[in-house]
Amino acid sequence: MKQYFNFSWCLMLCLVGLSYTTQAQNIRVEAKLDQTKIKLGDQTVLRLMAHVPANGQVDFPVLADTISSKVQIVEMGKTDTLTDQNNPGVKTISRRYTITSFDAGLHMIPAYTFDSKEGKLNTQALPLEVTEVKVDTTKAIYDIKEPLAVSYSFMDWLRDNAKLVTFSVLGVLLIIGLIWYLIRKAKNKPVKAVPAKPAIPLDVMVLDRLKALRSQKLWEQGQVKTYHSELTDIIRDYLEKRYEINAMEQTSEEIFSGLKHLSITAGNMDKLRQMLLLADLVKFAKATPLHNENEQSMENAISFVVNTKPAPSTDHKVQNKDNEPV
């Protein structure tokens, strides 16, 4: 009787182990690249996928902003789940990452580890070849056409702005009369100390610099590299003063790494990323952006400063007799 009991117990353990092994074998993970060969600065999609039973679960690996020192992640997509139409008992969970590289050569996408209740599952490593952008030196270089000259005299301007000129003259006369009246009235009064002007807020100074840069119309005149260099210098100076990081001496990826722990929304980080990465392409890869891309960089810079500007100071508050802020 005792031998029969031991045999039954061993048989049960074997069946449980067999069931565990079968379930683990039903989970399969893989990694795919939409393109295994791209040009310098181009983008491709890395897809991580897990094929699991309908009631199974798996934990995806956590990827940082960079896959390696040569390959960066531009955007991380949402996780999608699809049921196999031919086999409803199996579902596929996938996640996509848009990646790029600014270094020519053959780079390896490493193997990634998925965690599940049944154990750890690894994907295969993938090669990514990045080729340099060839410049066709056989084609001629053409100068930028100058803008057409339009005859517009001072009288034309005066006629178009007659109301503005009239109100401006009246305003100047009114101000002169008011100043003359105040001077006569204050002749016998003691001179009061003029209070110091409040410091100009950081965001106001930066926005003024961006507006001044836009008014120069550098990229419209063919100075695309100068335009993006000055634009990124203004934003890097803002990042140094706003977040106290050494942005002027850091690469774009080092800046992103230093800011990812701060309370900056994903939308604002995307605007900063677009502006800095496009500037890197222009400065280091000699890329030629479209006109709307040049203007988009300026719009993203202004929006980033406005959305991340420091909160107004609340140190100076009106106080009542009990020294409590009103």
C-alpha atoms as a PDB file:
ATOM      1  CA  MET A   1       0.000   0.000   0.000  1.00  0.00           C
ATOM      2  CA  LYS A   2       2.857   2.362   0.901  1.00  0.00           C
ATOM      3  CA  GLN A   3       4.631   1.612  -2.404  1.00  0.00           C
ATOM      4  CA  TYR A   4       1.432   2.371  -4.342  1.00  0.00           C
ATOM      5  CA  PHE A   5       1.090   5.710  -2.547  1.00  0.00           C
ATOM      6  CA  ASN A   6       4.690   6.689  -3.380  1.00  0.00           C
ATOM      7  CA  PHE A   7       4.206   5.754  -7.031  1.00  0.00           C
ATOM      8  CA  SER A   8       1.029   7.896  -7.268  1.00  0.00           C
ATOM      9  CA  TRP A   9       2.772  10.884  -5.699  1.00  0.00           C
ATOM     10  CA  CYS A  10       5.697  10.663  -8.116  1.00  0.00           C
ATOM     11  CA  LEU A  11       3.331  10.376 -11.077  1.00  0.00           C
ATOM     12  CA  MET A  12       1.499  13.553  -9.974  1.00  0.00           C
ATOM     13  CA  LEU A  13       4.778  15.503  -9.714  1.00  0.00           C
ATOM     14  CA  CYS A  14       5.786  14.400 -13.189  1.00  0.00           C
ATOM     15  CA  LEU A  15       2.472  15.553 -14.652  1.00  0.00           C
ATOM     16  CA  VAL A  16       2.810  18.991 -12.954  1.00  0.00           C
ATOM     17  CA  GLY A  17       6.372  19.376 -14.270  1.00  0.00           C
ATOM     18  CA  LEU A  18       5.271  18.351 -17.757  1.00  0.00           C
ATOM     19  CA  SER A  19       2.451  20.930 -17.672  1.00  0.00           C
ATOM     20  CA  TYR A  20       4.925  23.636 -16.536  1.00  0.00           C
ATOM     21  CA  THR A  21       7.362  22.798 -19.309  1.00  0.00           C
ATOM     22  CA  THR A  22       4.655  22.795 -21.951  1.00  0.00           C
ATOM     23  CA  GLN A  23       3.375  26.213 -20.836  1.00  0.00           C
ATOM     24  CA  ALA A  24       6.884  27.687 -20.850  1.00  0.00           C
ATOM     25  CA  GLN A  25       7.472  26.373 -24.352  1.00  0.00           C
ATOM     26  CA  ASN A  26       4.283  28.091 -25.519  1.00  0.00           C
ATOM     27  CA  ILE A  27       5.846  31.519 -24.888  1.00  0.00           C
ATOM     28  CA  ARG A  28       8.103  32.816 -27.680  1.00  0.00           C
ATOM     29  CA  VAL A  29       9.829  36.218 -27.927  1.00  0.00           C
ATOM     30  CA  GLU A  30      11.557  37.869 -30.875  1.00  0.00           C
ATOM     31  CA  ALA A  31      13.029  41.170 -32.085  1.00  0.00           C
ATOM     32  CA  LYS A  32      12.764  42.547 -35.634  1.00  0.00           C
ATOM     33  CA  LEU A  33      14.043  45.566 -37.552  1.00  0.00           C
ATOM     34  CA  ASP A  34      11.905  47.074 -40.316  1.00  0.00           C
ATOM     35  CA  GLN A  35      15.160  47.948 -42.091  1.00  0.00           C
ATOM     36  CA  THR A  36      18.561  46.464 -41.336  1.00  0.00           C
ATOM     37  CA  LYS A  37      20.350  49.086 -43.466  1.00  0.00           C
ATOM     38  CA  ILE A  38      19.728  52.845 -43.215  1.00  0.00           C
ATOM     39  CA  LYS A  39      21.486  56.054 -44.216  1.00  0.00           C
ATOM     40  CA  LEU A  40      23.177  58.344 -41.704  1.00  0.00           C
ATOM     41  CA  GLY A  41      20.481  60.163 -39.696  1.00  0.00           C
ATOM     42  CA  ASP A  42      17.583  58.113 -41.145  1.00  0.00           C
ATOM     43  CA  GLN A  43      15.182  56.209 -38.921  1.00  0.00           C
ATOM     44  CA  THR A  44      13.911  52.637 -38.720  1.00  0.00           C
ATOM     45  CA  VAL A  45      11.639  50.709 -36.347  1.00  0.00           C
ATOM     46  CA  LEU A  46      12.728  48.081 -33.822  1.00  0.00           C
ATOM     47  CA  ARG A  47       9.878  45.742 -32.851  1.00  0.00           C
ATOM     48  CA  LEU A  48       9.913  43.585 -29.704  1.00  0.00           C
ATOM     49  CA  MET A  49       7.240  40.865 -29.719  1.00  0.00           C
ATOM     50  CA  ALA A  50       6.052  38.131 -27.378  1.00  0.00           C
ATOM     51  CA  HIS A  51       3.751  35.279 -28.446  1.00  0.00           C
ATOM     52  CA  VAL A  52       1.971  34.020 -25.311  1.00  0.00           C
ATOM     53  CA  PRO A  53      -1.124  32.013 -24.413  1.00  0.00           C
ATOM     54  CA  ALA A  54      -4.346  34.023 -24.177  1.00  0.00           C
ATOM     55  CA  ASN A  55      -4.230  34.015 -20.362  1.00  0.00           C
ATOM     56  CA  GLY A  56      -0.453  34.372 -20.101  1.00  0.00           C
ATOM     57  CA  GLN A  57       1.584  37.420 -19.108  1.00  0.00           C
ATOM     58  CA  VAL A  58       5.082  38.645 -19.904  1.00  0.00           C
ATOM     59  CA  ASP A  59       7.134  41.683 -18.816  1.00  0.00           C
ATOM     60  CA  PHE A  60       8.884  43.628 -21.569  1.00  0.00           C
ATOM     61  CA  PRO A  61      12.461  44.865 -21.054  1.00  0.00           C
ATOM     62  CA  VAL A  62      12.821  48.536 -20.066  1.00  0.00           C
ATOM     63  CA  LEU A  63      14.739  50.519 -22.721  1.00  0.00           C
ATOM     64  CA  ALA A  64      16.450  53.851 -22.009  1.00  0.00           C
ATOM     65  CA  ASP A  65      16.773  56.781 -24.427  1.00  0.00           C
ATOM     66  CA  THR A  66      19.718  55.111 -26.124  1.00  0.00           C
ATOM     67  CA  ILE A  67      20.257  51.514 -27.224  1.00  0.00           C
ATOM     68  CA  SER A  68      24.021  52.037 -27.372  1.00  0.00           C
ATOM     69  CA  SER A  69      26.498  54.892 -27.737  1.00  0.00           C
ATOM     70  CA  LYS A  70      25.917  54.737 -31.502  1.00  0.00           C
ATOM     71  CA  VAL A  71      22.149  54.087 -31.682  1.00  0.00           C
ATOM     72  CA  GLN A  72      19.504  56.360 -30.130  1.00  0.00           C
ATOM     73  CA  ILE A  73      15.780  55.894 -29.534  1.00  0.00           C
ATOM     74  CA  VAL A  74      13.760  58.725 -31.116  1.00  0.00           C
ATOM     75  CA  GLU A  75      10.282  57.605 -30.049  1.00  0.00           C
ATOM     76  CA  MET A  76       8.696  54.723 -28.134  1.00  0.00           C
ATOM     77  CA  GLY A  77       5.311  53.555 -29.382  1.00  0.00           C
ATOM     78  CA  LYS A  78       2.410  52.069 -27.433  1.00  0.00           C
ATOM     79  CA  THR A  79       2.088  48.391 -26.595  1.00  0.00           C
ATOM     80  CA  ASP A  80      -0.282  46.533 -28.969  1.00  0.00           C
ATOM     81  CA  THR A  81      -1.982  43.181 -28.347  1.00  0.00           C
ATOM     82  CA  LEU A  82      -3.382  41.059 -31.208  1.00  0.00           C
ATOM     83  CA  THR A  83      -5.131  37.690 -31.071  1.00  0.00           C
ATOM     84  CA  ASP A  84      -4.108  35.040 -33.593  1.00  0.00           C
ATOM     85  CA  GLN A  85      -7.180  34.517 -35.835  1.00  0.00           C
ATOM     86  CA  ASN A  86      -6.076  30.987 -36.690  1.00  0.00           C
ATOM     87  CA  ASN A  87      -5.379  30.141 -33.048  1.00  0.00           C
ATOM     88  CA  PRO A  88      -7.541  32.162 -30.586  1.00  0.00           C
ATOM     89  CA  GLY A  89      -5.650  30.614 -27.682  1.00  0.00           C
ATOM     90  CA  VAL A  90      -2.502  32.604 -28.578  1.00  0.00           C
ATOM     91  CA  LYS A  91      -1.988  36.380 -28.506  1.00  0.00           C
ATOM     92  CA  THR A  92       0.900  38.530 -29.734  1.00  0.00           C
ATOM     93  CA  ILE A  93       2.078  41.496 -27.636  1.00  0.00           C
ATOM     94  CA  SER A  94       4.331  43.944 -29.483  1.00  0.00           C
ATOM     95  CA  ARG A  95       6.051  47.245 -28.814  1.00  0.00           C
ATOM     96  CA  ARG A  96       7.756  49.464 -31.408  1.00  0.00           C
ATOM     97  CA  TYR A  97      10.735  51.799 -30.997  1.00  0.00           C
ATOM     98  CA  THR A  98      11.792  54.345 -33.630  1.00  0.00           C
ATOM     99  CA  ILE A  99      15.609  54.419 -33.676  1.00  0.00           C
ATOM    100  CA  THR A 100      18.328  56.348 -35.532  1.00  0.00           C
ATOM    101  CA  SER A 101      22.111  56.684 -35.679  1.00  0.00           C
ATOM    102  CA  PHE A 102      24.531  59.434 -36.622  1.00  0.00           C
ATOM    103  CA  ASP A 103      27.591  57.147 -36.797  1.00  0.00           C
ATOM    104  CA  ALA A 104      28.316  55.190 -39.957  1.00  0.00           C
ATOM    105  CA  GLY A 105      29.232  51.528 -39.618  1.00  0.00           C
ATOM    106  CA  LEU A 106      27.795  48.195 -38.492  1.00  0.00           C
ATOM    107  CA  HIS A 107      26.109  48.384 -35.066  1.00  0.00           C
ATOM    108  CA  MET A 108      24.534  45.565 -33.062  1.00  0.00           C
ATOM    109  CA  ILE A 109      21.117  45.739 -31.444  1.00  0.00           C
ATOM    110  CA  PRO A 110      21.659  43.662 -28.286  1.00  0.00           C
ATOM    111  CA  ALA A 111      19.547  40.708 -27.173  1.00  0.00           C
ATOM    112  CA  TYR A 112      16.730  41.669 -24.776  1.00  0.00           C
ATOM    113  CA  THR A 113      15.344  39.622 -21.876  1.00  0.00           C
ATOM    114  CA  PHE A 114      11.623  39.164 -21.206  1.00  0.00           C
ATOM    115  CA  ASP A 115      10.439  38.084 -17.744  1.00  0.00           C
ATOM    116  CA  SER A 116       7.539  35.700 -17.221  1.00  0.00           C
ATOM    117  CA  LYS A 117       6.273  33.407 -14.502  1.00  0.00           C
ATOM    118  CA  GLU A 118       7.900  30.526 -16.355  1.00  0.00           C
ATOM    119  CA  GLY A 119      11.368  32.192 -16.425  1.00  0.00           C
ATOM    120  CA  LYS A 120      13.462  34.511 -18.586  1.00  0.00           C
ATOM    121  CA  LEU A 121      13.307  34.480 -22.396  1.00  0.00           C
ATOM    122  CA  ASN A 122      15.882  36.177 -24.657  1.00  0.00           C
ATOM    123  CA  THR A 123      15.620  37.642 -28.162  1.00  0.00           C
ATOM    124  CA  GLN A 124      18.345  37.393 -30.747  1.00  0.00           C
ATOM    125  CA  ALA A 125      20.866  40.212 -31.372  1.00  0.00           C
ATOM    126  CA  LEU A 126      20.302  42.136 -34.627  1.00  0.00           C
ATOM    127  CA  PRO A 127      22.820  43.899 -36.922  1.00  0.00           C
ATOM    128  CA  LEU A 128      22.089  47.476 -38.083  1.00  0.00           C
ATOM    129  CA  GLU A 129      24.196  48.907 -40.902  1.00  0.00           C
ATOM    130  CA  VAL A 130      24.413  52.719 -41.142  1.00  0.00           C
ATOM    131  CA  THR A 131      25.825  54.117 -44.397  1.00  0.00           C
ATOM    132  CA  GLU A 132      27.172  57.594 -45.088  1.00  0.00           C
ATOM    133  CA  VAL A 133      25.216  60.042 -47.239  1.00  0.00           C
ATOM    134  CA  LYS A 134      27.021  60.413 -50.549  1.00  0.00           C
ATOM    135  CA  VAL A 135      27.258  63.922 -52.003  1.00  0.00           C
ATOM    136  CA  ASP A 136      26.981  64.232 -55.768  1.00  0.00           C
ATOM    137  CA  THR A 137      29.909  66.532 -56.630  1.00  0.00           C
ATOM    138  CA  THR A 138      29.227  66.367 -60.381  1.00  0.00           C
ATOM    139  CA  LYS A 139      26.219  68.681 -60.195  1.00  0.00           C
ATOM    140  CA  ALA A 140      26.664  72.442 -60.349  1.00  0.00           C
ATOM    141  CA  ILE A 141      26.023  74.691 -57.335  1.00  0.00           C
ATOM    142  CA  TYR A 142      23.544  77.517 -57.882  1.00  0.00           C
ATOM    143  CA  ASP A 143      23.308  80.780 -55.989  1.00  0.00           C
ATOM    144  CA  ILE A 144      20.139  81.686 -54.120  1.00  0.00           C
ATOM    145  CA  LYS A 145      17.967  84.085 -56.092  1.00  0.00           C
ATOM    146  CA  GLU A 146      17.716  87.536 -54.610  1.00  0.00           C
ATOM    147  CA  PRO A 147      14.279  88.903 -53.617  1.00  0.00           C
ATOM    148  CA  LEU A 148      12.540  91.128 -56.151  1.00  0.00           C
ATOM    149  CA  ALA A 149      12.872  94.841 -55.483  1.00  0.00           C
ATOM    150  CA  VAL A 150       9.532  96.665 -55.148  1.00  0.00           C
ATOM    151  CA  SER A 151       9.336 100.448 -55.396  1.00  0.00           C
ATOM    152  CA  TYR A 152       7.858 101.825 -52.178  1.00  0.00           C
ATOM    153  CA  SER A 153       8.463 105.496 -51.322  1.00  0.00           C
ATOM    154  CA  PHE A 154       8.153 107.333 -48.026  1.00  0.00           C
ATOM    155  CA  MET A 155       4.989 108.995 -49.258  1.00  0.00           C
ATOM    156  CA  ASP A 156       3.487 105.598 -49.994  1.00  0.00           C
ATOM    157  CA  TRP A 157       4.285 104.505 -46.429  1.00  0.00           C
ATOM    158  CA  LEU A 158       2.919 107.781 -45.025  1.00  0.00           C
ATOM    159  CA  ARG A 159      -0.322 107.359 -46.974  1.00  0.00           C
ATOM    160  CA  ASP A 160      -0.734 103.752 -45.805  1.00  0.00           C
ATOM    161  CA  ASN A 161      -0.097 104.689 -42.164  1.00  0.00           C
ATOM    162  CA  ALA A 162      -1.783 108.099 -41.968  1.00  0.00           C
ATOM    163  CA  LYS A 163      -3.828 107.247 -38.860  1.00  0.00           C
ATOM    164  CA  LEU A 164      -0.835 105.747 -37.072  1.00  0.00           C
ATOM    165  CA  VAL A 165       1.308 108.816 -37.792  1.00  0.00           C
ATOM    166  CA  THR A 166      -1.429 111.207 -36.659  1.00  0.00           C
ATOM    167  CA  PHE A 167      -2.042 109.427 -33.346  1.00  0.00           C
ATOM    168  CA  SER A 168       1.712 109.073 -32.782  1.00  0.00           C
ATOM    169  CA  VAL A 169       2.295 112.815 -33.209  1.00  0.00           C
ATOM    170  CA  LEU A 170      -0.618 113.631 -30.900  1.00  0.00           C
ATOM    171  CA  GLY A 171       0.711 111.140 -28.359  1.00  0.00           C
ATOM    172  CA  VAL A 172       4.199 112.668 -28.456  1.00  0.00           C
ATOM    173  CA  LEU A 173       2.787 116.175 -28.001  1.00  0.00           C
ATOM    174  CA  LEU A 174       0.647 114.975 -25.094  1.00  0.00           C
ATOM    175  CA  ILE A 175       3.635 113.303 -23.414  1.00  0.00           C
ATOM    176  CA  ILE A 176       5.782 116.446 -23.865  1.00  0.00           C
ATOM    177  CA  GLY A 177       3.042 118.590 -22.354  1.00  0.00           C
ATOM    178  CA  LEU A 178       2.604 116.209 -19.419  1.00  0.00           C
ATOM    179  CA  ILE A 179       6.368 116.126 -18.764  1.00  0.00           C
ATOM    180  CA  TRP A 180       6.558 119.943 -18.858  1.00  0.00           C
ATOM    181  CA  TYR A 181       3.644 120.156 -16.382  1.00  0.00           C
ATOM    182  CA  LEU A 182       5.174 117.621 -13.977  1.00  0.00           C
ATOM    183  CA  ILE A 183       8.567 119.359 -14.064  1.00  0.00           C
ATOM    184  CA  ARG A 184       7.025 122.706 -13.156  1.00  0.00           C
ATOM    185  CA  LYS A 185       4.943 121.106 -10.404  1.00  0.00           C
ATOM    186  CA  ALA A 186       7.899 119.233  -8.883  1.00  0.00           C
ATOM    187  CA  LYS A 187      10.368 122.135  -8.859  1.00  0.00           C
ATOM    188  CA  ASN A 188       9.952 122.848  -5.143  1.00  0.00           C
ATOM    189  CA  LYS A 189       9.596 119.214  -4.046  1.00  0.00           C
ATOM    190  CA  PRO A 190      12.480 117.076  -2.758  1.00  0.00           C
ATOM    191  CA  VAL A 191      13.832 114.575  -5.242  1.00  0.00           C
ATOM    192  CA  LYS A 192      12.765 111.037  -4.430  1.00  0.00           C
ATOM    193  CA  ALA A 193      15.010 108.068  -4.965  1.00  0.00           C
ATOM    194  CA  VAL A 194      14.119 106.177  -8.109  1.00  0.00           C
ATOM    195  CA  PRO A 195      13.405 102.533  -7.254  1.00  0.00           C
ATOM    196  CA  ALA A 196      15.553  99.979  -9.015  1.00  0.00           C
ATOM    197  CA  LYS A 197      13.980  98.277 -11.978  1.00  0.00           C
ATOM    198  CA  PRO A 198      12.957  94.701 -11.322  1.00  0.00           C
ATOM    199  CA  ALA A 199      15.131  92.049 -12.877  1.00  0.00           C
ATOM    200  CA  ILE A 200      13.930  90.844 -16.263  1.00  0.00           C
ATOM    201  CA  PRO A 201      12.588  87.262 -15.993  1.00  0.00           C
ATOM    202  CA  LEU A 202      14.680  84.558 -17.660  1.00  0.00           C
ATOM    203  CA  ASP A 203      11.933  83.480 -20.062  1.00  0.00           C
ATOM    204  CA  VAL A 204      11.375  87.081 -21.230  1.00  0.00           C
ATOM    205  CA  MET A 205      15.078  87.539 -22.016  1.00  0.00           C
ATOM    206  CA  VAL A 206      15.242  84.221 -23.905  1.00  0.00           C
ATOM    207  CA  LEU A 207      12.071  84.925 -25.899  1.00  0.00           C
ATOM    208  CA  ASP A 208      13.476  88.354 -26.872  1.00  0.00           C
ATOM    209  CA  ARG A 209      16.640  86.667 -28.138  1.00  0.00           C
ATOM    210  CA  LEU A 210      14.593  84.129 -30.145  1.00  0.00           C
ATOM    211  CA  LYS A 211      12.505  86.905 -31.699  1.00  0.00           C
ATOM    212  CA  ALA A 212      15.663  88.829 -32.592  1.00  0.00           C
ATOM    213  CA  LEU A 213      17.124  85.704 -34.237  1.00  0.00           C
ATOM    214  CA  ARG A 214      13.928  85.114 -36.219  1.00  0.00           C
ATOM    215  CA  SER A 215      13.976  88.741 -37.462  1.00  0.00           C
ATOM    216  CA  GLN A 216      17.468  88.215 -38.956  1.00  0.00           C
ATOM    217  CA  LYS A 217      15.990  85.700 -41.456  1.00  0.00           C
ATOM    218  CA  LEU A 218      19.232  83.716 -41.579  1.00  0.00           C
ATOM    219  CA  TRP A 219      17.930  80.458 -43.042  1.00  0.00           C
ATOM    220  CA  GLU A 220      15.948  82.386 -45.646  1.00  0.00           C
ATOM    221  CA  GLN A 221      19.298  83.861 -46.793  1.00  0.00           C
ATOM    222  CA  GLY A 222      20.990  80.457 -46.986  1.00  0.00           C
ATOM    223  CA  GLN A 223      22.737  80.656 -43.598  1.00  0.00           C
ATOM    224  CA  VAL A 224      21.059  77.479 -42.322  1.00  0.00           C
ATOM    225  CA  LYS A 225      23.980  76.248 -40.201  1.00  0.00           C
ATOM    226  CA  THR A 226      24.437  79.655 -38.536  1.00  0.00           C
ATOM    227  CA  TYR A 227      20.693  79.810 -37.846  1.00  0.00           C
ATOM    228  CA  HIS A 228      20.555  76.403 -36.115  1.00  0.00           C
ATOM    229  CA  SER A 229      23.815  77.038 -34.202  1.00  0.00           C
ATOM    230  CA  GLU A 230      22.544  80.316 -32.734  1.00  0.00           C
ATOM    231  CA  LEU A 231      19.118  78.810 -32.042  1.00  0.00           C
ATOM    232  CA  THR A 232      20.555  75.869 -30.070  1.00  0.00           C
ATOM    233  CA  ASP A 233      23.006  78.167 -28.244  1.00  0.00           C
ATOM    234  CA  ILE A 234      20.082  80.253 -26.985  1.00  0.00           C
ATOM    235  CA  ILE A 235      18.176  77.157 -25.804  1.00  0.00           C
ATOM    236  CA  ARG A 236      21.289  75.581 -24.238  1.00  0.00           C
ATOM    237  CA  ASP A 237      21.930  78.833 -22.327  1.00  0.00           C
ATOM    238  CA  TYR A 238      18.295  78.752 -21.163  1.00  0.00           C
ATOM    239  CA  LEU A 239      18.648  75.117 -20.004  1.00  0.00           C
ATOM    240  CA  GLU A 240      21.807  75.982 -18.028  1.00  0.00           C
ATOM    241  CA  LYS A 241      20.128  78.851 -16.185  1.00  0.00           C
ATOM    242  CA  ARG A 242      16.739  77.171 -15.816  1.00  0.00           C
ATOM    243  CA  TYR A 243      17.812  73.667 -14.743  1.00  0.00           C
ATOM    244  CA  GLU A 244      21.453  74.294 -13.660  1.00  0.00           C
ATOM    245  CA  ILE A 245      23.034  71.794 -16.060  1.00  0.00           C
ATOM    246  CA  ASN A 246      26.173  72.228 -18.157  1.00  0.00           C
ATOM    247  CA  ALA A 247      24.187  72.253 -21.406  1.00  0.00           C
ATOM    248  CA  MET A 248      26.682  74.377 -23.391  1.00  0.00           C
ATOM    249  CA  GLU A 249      29.370  71.663 -23.067  1.00  0.00           C
ATOM    250  CA  GLN A 250      27.138  68.570 -23.366  1.00  0.00           C
ATOM    251  CA  THR A 251      25.954  66.612 -26.396  1.00  0.00           C
ATOM    252  CA  SER A 252      22.263  66.468 -27.201  1.00  0.00           C
ATOM    253  CA  GLU A 253      21.947  62.955 -25.781  1.00  0.00           C
ATOM    254  CA  GLU A 254      23.700  64.009 -22.552  1.00  0.00           C
ATOM    255  CA  ILE A 255      21.223  66.873 -22.230  1.00  0.00           C
ATOM    256  CA  PHE A 256      18.257  64.510 -22.694  1.00  0.00           C
ATOM    257  CA  SER A 257      19.723  62.152 -20.105  1.00  0.00           C
ATOM    258  CA  GLY A 258      20.158  64.989 -17.603  1.00  0.00           C
ATOM    259  CA  LEU A 259      16.592  66.247 -18.073  1.00  0.00           C
ATOM    260  CA  LYS A 260      14.667  62.960 -18.053  1.00  0.00           C
ATOM    261  CA  HIS A 261      14.380  62.938 -14.242  1.00  0.00           C
ATOM    262  CA  LEU A 262      12.887  66.450 -14.147  1.00  0.00           C
ATOM    263  CA  SER A 263       9.218  67.363 -14.333  1.00  0.00           C
ATOM    264  CA  ILE A 264       9.173  68.095 -18.072  1.00  0.00           C
ATOM    265  CA  THR A 265       6.232  66.738 -20.041  1.00  0.00           C
ATOM    266  CA  ALA A 266       6.765  64.306 -22.903  1.00  0.00           C
ATOM    267  CA  GLY A 267       5.375  66.869 -25.365  1.00  0.00           C
ATOM    268  CA  ASN A 268       7.926  69.493 -24.334  1.00  0.00           C
ATOM    269  CA  MET A 269      10.745  66.922 -24.444  1.00  0.00           C
ATOM    270  CA  ASP A 270       9.694  65.992 -28.007  1.00  0.00           C
ATOM    271  CA  LYS A 271       9.902  69.660 -29.031  1.00  0.00           C
ATOM    272  CA  LEU A 272      13.366  69.999 -27.505  1.00  0.00           C
ATOM    273  CA  ARG A 273      14.458  66.689 -29.095  1.00  0.00           C
ATOM    274  CA  GLN A 274      13.275  67.746 -32.593  1.00  0.00           C
ATOM    275  CA  MET A 275      15.110  71.055 -32.406  1.00  0.00           C
ATOM    276  CA  LEU A 276      18.434  69.703 -31.072  1.00  0.00           C
ATOM    277  CA  LEU A 277      18.545  66.592 -33.305  1.00  0.00           C
ATOM    278  CA  LEU A 278      17.787  68.632 -36.447  1.00  0.00           C
ATOM    279  CA  ALA A 279      20.553  71.071 -35.481  1.00  0.00           C
ATOM    280  CA  ASP A 280      22.968  68.123 -35.060  1.00  0.00           C
ATOM    281  CA  LEU A 281      22.081  66.891 -38.547  1.00  0.00           C
ATOM    282  CA  VAL A 282      22.713  70.339 -40.023  1.00  0.00           C
ATOM    283  CA  LYS A 283      25.996  70.920 -38.154  1.00  0.00           C
ATOM    284  CA  PHE A 284      27.545  67.453 -38.289  1.00  0.00           C
ATOM    285  CA  ALA A 285      25.855  65.603 -41.166  1.00  0.00           C
ATOM    286  CA  LYS A 286      25.533  68.661 -43.442  1.00  0.00           C
ATOM    287  CA  ALA A 287      21.808  68.025 -43.869  1.00  0.00           C
ATOM    288  CA  THR A 288      19.583  70.570 -45.610  1.00  0.00           C
ATOM    289  CA  PRO A 289      16.221  70.839 -43.803  1.00  0.00           C
ATOM    290  CA  LEU A 290      13.003  71.847 -45.500  1.00  0.00           C
ATOM    291  CA  HIS A 291      11.750  75.389 -44.956  1.00  0.00           C
ATOM    292  CA  ASN A 292       8.958  74.243 -42.676  1.00  0.00           C
ATOM    293  CA  GLU A 293      11.478  72.249 -40.582  1.00  0.00           C
ATOM    294  CA  ASN A 294      13.574  75.390 -40.007  1.00  0.00           C
ATOM    295  CA  GLU A 295      10.510  77.318 -38.897  1.00  0.00           C
ATOM    296  CA  GLN A 296       9.263  74.356 -36.808  1.00  0.00           C
ATOM    297  CA  SER A 297      12.520  74.430 -34.821  1.00  0.00           C
ATOM    298  CA  MET A 298      11.902  78.101 -33.942  1.00  0.00           C
ATOM    299  CA  GLU A 299       8.261  77.393 -33.002  1.00  0.00           C
ATOM    300  CA  ASN A 300       9.294  74.448 -30.813  1.00  0.00           C
ATOM    301  CA  ALA A 301      11.996  76.555 -29.102  1.00  0.00           C
ATOM    302  CA  ILE A 302       9.520  79.346 -28.267  1.00  0.00           C
ATOM    303  CA  SER A 303       6.883  76.841 -27.095  1.00  0.00           C
ATOM    304  CA  PHE A 304       9.416  74.978 -24.916  1.00  0.00           C
ATOM    305  CA  VAL A 305      10.506  78.207 -23.164  1.00  0.00           C
ATOM    306  CA  VAL A 306       6.914  79.349 -22.614  1.00  0.00           C
ATOM    307  CA  ASN A 307       5.811  75.943 -21.254  1.00  0.00           C
ATOM    308  CA  THR A 308       8.814  75.453 -18.949  1.00  0.00           C
ATOM    309  CA  LYS A 309       9.395  78.993 -17.703  1.00  0.00           C
ATOM    310  CA  PRO A 310       9.989  79.377 -13.931  1.00  0.00           C
ATOM    311  CA  ALA A 311       6.962  80.019 -11.750  1.00  0.00           C
ATOM    312  CA  PRO A 312       6.583  83.716 -10.768  1.00  0.00           C
ATOM    313  CA  SER A 313       8.233  84.641  -7.464  1.00  0.00           C
ATOM    314  CA  THR A 314       5.946  84.889  -4.427  1.00  0.00           C
ATOM    315  CA  ASP A 315       8.578  86.296  -2.027  1.00  0.00           C
ATOM    316  CA  HIS A 316       7.141  89.830  -2.017  1.00  0.00           C
ATOM    317  CA  LYS A 317       3.596  89.775  -0.607  1.00  0.00           C
ATOM    318  CA  VAL A 318       1.484  92.446   0.971  1.00  0.00           C
ATOM    319  CA  GLN A 319       1.273  91.961   4.774  1.00  0.00           C
ATOM    320  CA  ASN A 320      -1.280  93.069   7.313  1.00  0.00           C
ATOM    321  CA  LYS A 321      -0.669  94.393  10.856  1.00  0.00           C
ATOM    322  CA  ASP A 322      -0.166  90.875  12.236  1.00  0.00           C
ATOM    323  CA  ASN A 323       2.615  90.230   9.634  1.00  0.00           C
ATOM    324  CA  GLU A 324       0.449  87.620   7.881  1.00  0.00           C
ATOM    325  CA  PRO A 325       0.400  87.564   4.068  1.00  0.00           C
ATOM    326  CA  VAL A 326      -2.808  88.967   2.647  1.00  0.00           C
END
